[in-house]
Amino acid sequence: FEALSYTWGDRTSNRSLRKTQGRLEVTPNCLAALEDRRHQNQGRTLWIDAICINQHSNTEKNHQVPLMNQIYSKATQLLIYIG
């Protein structure tokens, strides 16, 4: 997997992202990063904190955030998106 780091930006104007299990609300910056980093002809596995960590659960965030150093260090590549 590759890890994607980006600025979250405005959280009040979320965009809807379609996924196999339904829809997911993401910030405009997250959607822009996904669109910009997308491979046109092949799949890509990205770890994105705002998507992979349940942002509505303080319990999960408190557990996962301390692990982010390990997550980023185990990624095959770290992508940084600044817009």
N, C-alpha and C. Protein backbone atom coordinates (compact mmCIF):
# COMPACT_ATOMS: atom_id res chain seq x y z
N PHE A 1 0.83 -1.19 0.00
CA PHE A 1 0.00 0.00 0.00
C PHE A 1 0.87 1.24 0.00
N GLU A 2 0.28 2.32 -0.48
CA GLU A 2 0.93 3.62 -0.45
C GLU A 2 0.14 4.49 0.52
N ALA A 3 0.80 5.36 1.22
CA ALA A 3 0.13 6.26 2.15
C ALA A 3 0.06 7.64 1.52
N LEU A 4 -1.08 8.29 1.68
CA LEU A 4 -1.29 9.61 1.12
C LEU A 4 -1.45 10.63 2.24
N SER A 5 -0.65 11.66 2.19
CA SER A 5 -0.73 12.74 3.15
C SER A 5 -1.12 14.01 2.40
N TYR A 6 -2.05 14.75 2.96
CA TYR A 6 -2.52 15.97 2.31
C TYR A 6 -3.11 16.89 3.37
N THR A 7 -3.34 18.14 3.02
CA THR A 7 -4.02 19.04 3.96
C THR A 7 -5.51 18.80 3.85
N TRP A 8 -6.16 18.67 4.99
CA TRP A 8 -7.59 18.37 4.99
C TRP A 8 -8.41 19.51 4.40
N GLY A 9 -8.04 20.73 4.70
CA GLY A 9 -8.77 21.87 4.16
C GLY A 9 -10.14 22.04 4.79
N ASP A 10 -11.04 22.63 4.04
CA ASP A 10 -12.39 22.96 4.50
C ASP A 10 -13.21 21.69 4.75
N ARG A 11 -13.59 21.47 5.99
CA ARG A 11 -14.39 20.28 6.33
C ARG A 11 -15.88 20.54 6.28
N THR A 12 -16.27 21.77 5.94
CA THR A 12 -17.69 22.10 5.94
C THR A 12 -18.35 21.88 4.58
N SER A 13 -17.58 21.69 3.55
CA SER A 13 -18.16 21.50 2.21
C SER A 13 -17.73 20.16 1.63
N ASN A 14 -18.02 19.08 2.36
CA ASN A 14 -17.61 17.75 1.95
C ASN A 14 -18.20 17.35 0.61
N ARG A 15 -17.49 16.44 -0.05
CA ARG A 15 -17.92 15.88 -1.32
C ARG A 15 -18.23 14.40 -1.11
N SER A 16 -19.12 13.88 -1.91
CA SER A 16 -19.51 12.49 -1.81
C SER A 16 -18.64 11.64 -2.73
N LEU A 17 -18.11 10.58 -2.18
CA LEU A 17 -17.26 9.65 -2.92
C LEU A 17 -18.00 8.32 -2.98
N ARG A 18 -18.18 7.79 -4.19
CA ARG A 18 -18.88 6.52 -4.35
C ARG A 18 -17.91 5.37 -4.13
N LYS A 19 -18.34 4.40 -3.35
CA LYS A 19 -17.54 3.19 -3.12
C LYS A 19 -18.45 1.99 -3.21
N THR A 20 -17.90 0.80 -3.18
CA THR A 20 -18.72 -0.40 -3.37
C THR A 20 -19.78 -0.57 -2.29
N GLN A 21 -19.52 -0.11 -1.08
CA GLN A 21 -20.48 -0.25 0.01
C GLN A 21 -21.39 0.96 0.14
N GLY A 22 -21.38 1.88 -0.78
CA GLY A 22 -22.23 3.06 -0.68
C GLY A 22 -21.45 4.32 -0.96
N ARG A 23 -21.66 5.33 -0.14
CA ARG A 23 -21.01 6.62 -0.32
C ARG A 23 -20.24 7.00 0.94
N LEU A 24 -19.22 7.82 0.73
CA LEU A 24 -18.38 8.30 1.82
C LEU A 24 -18.17 9.78 1.61
N GLU A 25 -18.33 10.56 2.65
CA GLU A 25 -18.10 12.00 2.57
C GLU A 25 -16.62 12.28 2.83
N VAL A 26 -15.99 13.03 1.93
CA VAL A 26 -14.59 13.42 2.07
C VAL A 26 -14.47 14.92 1.83
N THR A 27 -13.39 15.49 2.31
CA THR A 27 -13.16 16.92 2.08
C THR A 27 -12.83 17.15 0.60
N PRO A 28 -13.07 18.35 0.11
CA PRO A 28 -12.70 18.65 -1.28
C PRO A 28 -11.23 18.38 -1.57
N ASN A 29 -10.34 18.65 -0.61
CA ASN A 29 -8.92 18.38 -0.82
C ASN A 29 -8.63 16.89 -0.93
N CYS A 30 -9.32 16.09 -0.15
CA CYS A 30 -9.13 14.63 -0.23
C CYS A 30 -9.57 14.14 -1.59
N LEU A 31 -10.73 14.59 -2.06
CA LEU A 31 -11.21 14.17 -3.37
C LEU A 31 -10.24 14.62 -4.47
N ALA A 32 -9.74 15.84 -4.38
CA ALA A 32 -8.78 16.34 -5.37
C ALA A 32 -7.51 15.50 -5.36
N ALA A 33 -7.04 15.13 -4.18
CA ALA A 33 -5.83 14.29 -4.08
C ALA A 33 -6.08 12.93 -4.71
N LEU A 34 -7.23 12.33 -4.43
CA LEU A 34 -7.56 11.03 -5.01
C LEU A 34 -7.63 11.11 -6.53
N GLU A 35 -8.26 12.14 -7.03
CA GLU A 35 -8.37 12.29 -8.48
C GLU A 35 -7.01 12.53 -9.12
N ASP A 36 -6.18 13.33 -8.47
CA ASP A 36 -4.87 13.65 -9.01
C ASP A 36 -3.91 12.46 -8.98
N ARG A 37 -3.99 11.65 -7.97
CA ARG A 37 -3.07 10.52 -7.79
C ARG A 37 -3.59 9.24 -8.42
N ARG A 38 -4.75 9.27 -9.01
CA ARG A 38 -5.36 8.07 -9.58
C ARG A 38 -4.57 7.60 -10.80
N HIS A 39 -4.34 6.28 -10.86
CA HIS A 39 -3.76 5.67 -12.05
C HIS A 39 -4.90 5.42 -13.03
N GLN A 40 -4.72 5.79 -14.26
CA GLN A 40 -5.77 5.62 -15.26
C GLN A 40 -5.97 4.17 -15.69
N ASN A 41 -4.89 3.39 -15.72
CA ASN A 41 -4.97 2.05 -16.29
C ASN A 41 -4.70 0.92 -15.32
N GLN A 42 -4.55 1.22 -14.04
CA GLN A 42 -4.30 0.16 -13.07
C GLN A 42 -4.82 0.58 -11.70
N GLY A 43 -5.03 -0.41 -10.85
CA GLY A 43 -5.50 -0.14 -9.50
C GLY A 43 -4.38 0.41 -8.62
N ARG A 44 -4.79 0.97 -7.52
CA ARG A 44 -3.82 1.52 -6.57
C ARG A 44 -4.43 1.38 -5.17
N THR A 45 -3.64 0.92 -4.22
CA THR A 45 -4.10 0.81 -2.84
C THR A 45 -3.49 1.94 -2.03
N LEU A 46 -4.36 2.83 -1.54
CA LEU A 46 -3.92 3.98 -0.76
C LEU A 46 -4.43 3.89 0.67
N TRP A 47 -3.59 4.27 1.61
CA TRP A 47 -4.02 4.44 3.00
C TRP A 47 -4.14 5.94 3.22
N ILE A 48 -5.34 6.36 3.59
CA ILE A 48 -5.62 7.78 3.82
C ILE A 48 -6.29 7.88 5.19
N ASP A 49 -5.67 8.61 6.10
CA ASP A 49 -6.16 8.65 7.47
C ASP A 49 -7.64 9.05 7.57
N ALA A 50 -8.06 10.04 6.81
CA ALA A 50 -9.44 10.51 6.90
C ALA A 50 -10.45 9.46 6.47
N ILE A 51 -10.00 8.49 5.68
CA ILE A 51 -10.88 7.42 5.21
C ILE A 51 -10.69 6.16 6.03
N CYS A 52 -9.45 5.82 6.34
CA CYS A 52 -9.16 4.57 7.03
C CYS A 52 -9.41 4.61 8.53
N ILE A 53 -9.47 5.79 9.09
CA ILE A 53 -9.76 5.95 10.52
C ILE A 53 -11.14 6.57 10.64
N ASN A 54 -12.01 5.95 11.41
CA ASN A 54 -13.36 6.48 11.61
C ASN A 54 -13.28 7.81 12.34
N GLN A 55 -13.53 8.88 11.62
CA GLN A 55 -13.39 10.23 12.18
C GLN A 55 -14.50 10.58 13.17
N HIS A 56 -15.53 9.75 13.25
CA HIS A 56 -16.63 10.00 14.19
C HIS A 56 -16.45 9.25 15.50
N SER A 57 -15.35 8.49 15.61
CA SER A 57 -15.11 7.69 16.82
C SER A 57 -13.82 8.14 17.50
N ASN A 58 -13.96 8.82 18.63
CA ASN A 58 -12.78 9.24 19.39
C ASN A 58 -11.98 8.04 19.87
N THR A 59 -12.67 6.96 20.20
CA THR A 59 -11.98 5.75 20.65
C THR A 59 -11.06 5.22 19.55
N GLU A 60 -11.58 5.14 18.34
CA GLU A 60 -10.76 4.65 17.23
C GLU A 60 -9.63 5.62 16.92
N LYS A 61 -9.93 6.91 16.87
CA LYS A 61 -8.88 7.89 16.60
C LYS A 61 -7.78 7.82 17.65
N ASN A 62 -8.16 7.72 18.92
CA ASN A 62 -7.16 7.64 20.00
C ASN A 62 -6.30 6.39 19.88
N HIS A 63 -6.84 5.33 19.31
CA HIS A 63 -6.08 4.10 19.11
C HIS A 63 -5.20 4.18 17.85
N GLN A 64 -5.75 4.71 16.77
CA GLN A 64 -5.07 4.68 15.47
C GLN A 64 -4.02 5.77 15.28
N VAL A 65 -4.27 6.97 15.77
CA VAL A 65 -3.34 8.08 15.54
C VAL A 65 -1.93 7.76 16.03
N PRO A 66 -1.76 7.16 17.22
CA PRO A 66 -0.39 6.81 17.64
C PRO A 66 0.29 5.78 16.73
N LEU A 67 -0.50 5.05 15.93
CA LEU A 67 0.06 4.05 15.03
C LEU A 67 0.45 4.62 13.67
N MET A 68 0.14 5.88 13.42
CA MET A 68 0.38 6.45 12.10
C MET A 68 1.85 6.45 11.70
N ASN A 69 2.76 6.62 12.64
CA ASN A 69 4.18 6.55 12.32
C ASN A 69 4.53 5.19 11.75
N GLN A 70 4.01 4.13 12.35
CA GLN A 70 4.24 2.78 11.85
C GLN A 70 3.60 2.58 10.48
N ILE A 71 2.40 3.09 10.33
CA ILE A 71 1.68 2.94 9.07
C ILE A 71 2.46 3.61 7.95
N TYR A 72 2.87 4.86 8.17
CA TYR A 72 3.62 5.56 7.13
C TYR A 72 4.96 4.88 6.85
N SER A 73 5.61 4.37 7.87
CA SER A 73 6.92 3.75 7.65
C SER A 73 6.82 2.41 6.93
N LYS A 74 5.67 1.75 6.98
CA LYS A 74 5.50 0.47 6.30
C LYS A 74 4.94 0.62 4.89
N ALA A 75 4.54 1.80 4.53
CA ALA A 75 4.03 2.03 3.17
C ALA A 75 5.16 1.86 2.16
N THR A 76 4.83 1.36 1.00
CA THR A 76 5.84 1.22 -0.06
C THR A 76 6.25 2.59 -0.60
N GLN A 77 5.34 3.55 -0.47
CA GLN A 77 5.63 4.89 -0.94
C GLN A 77 4.73 5.87 -0.15
N LEU A 78 5.27 7.03 0.14
CA LEU A 78 4.49 8.08 0.78
C LEU A 78 4.24 9.17 -0.24
N LEU A 79 2.98 9.42 -0.50
CA LEU A 79 2.58 10.45 -1.45
C LEU A 79 2.15 11.68 -0.67
N ILE A 80 2.63 12.83 -1.07
CA ILE A 80 2.25 14.08 -0.41
C ILE A 80 1.56 14.94 -1.45
N TYR A 81 0.35 15.36 -1.12
CA TYR A 81 -0.44 16.17 -2.04
C TYR A 81 -0.65 17.54 -1.42
N ILE A 82 -0.16 18.57 -2.10
CA ILE A 82 -0.33 19.93 -1.57
C ILE A 82 -1.23 20.77 -2.46
N GLY A 83 -1.86 20.13 -3.42
CA GLY A 83 -2.87 20.81 -4.22
C GLY A 83 -2.40 21.47 -5.45
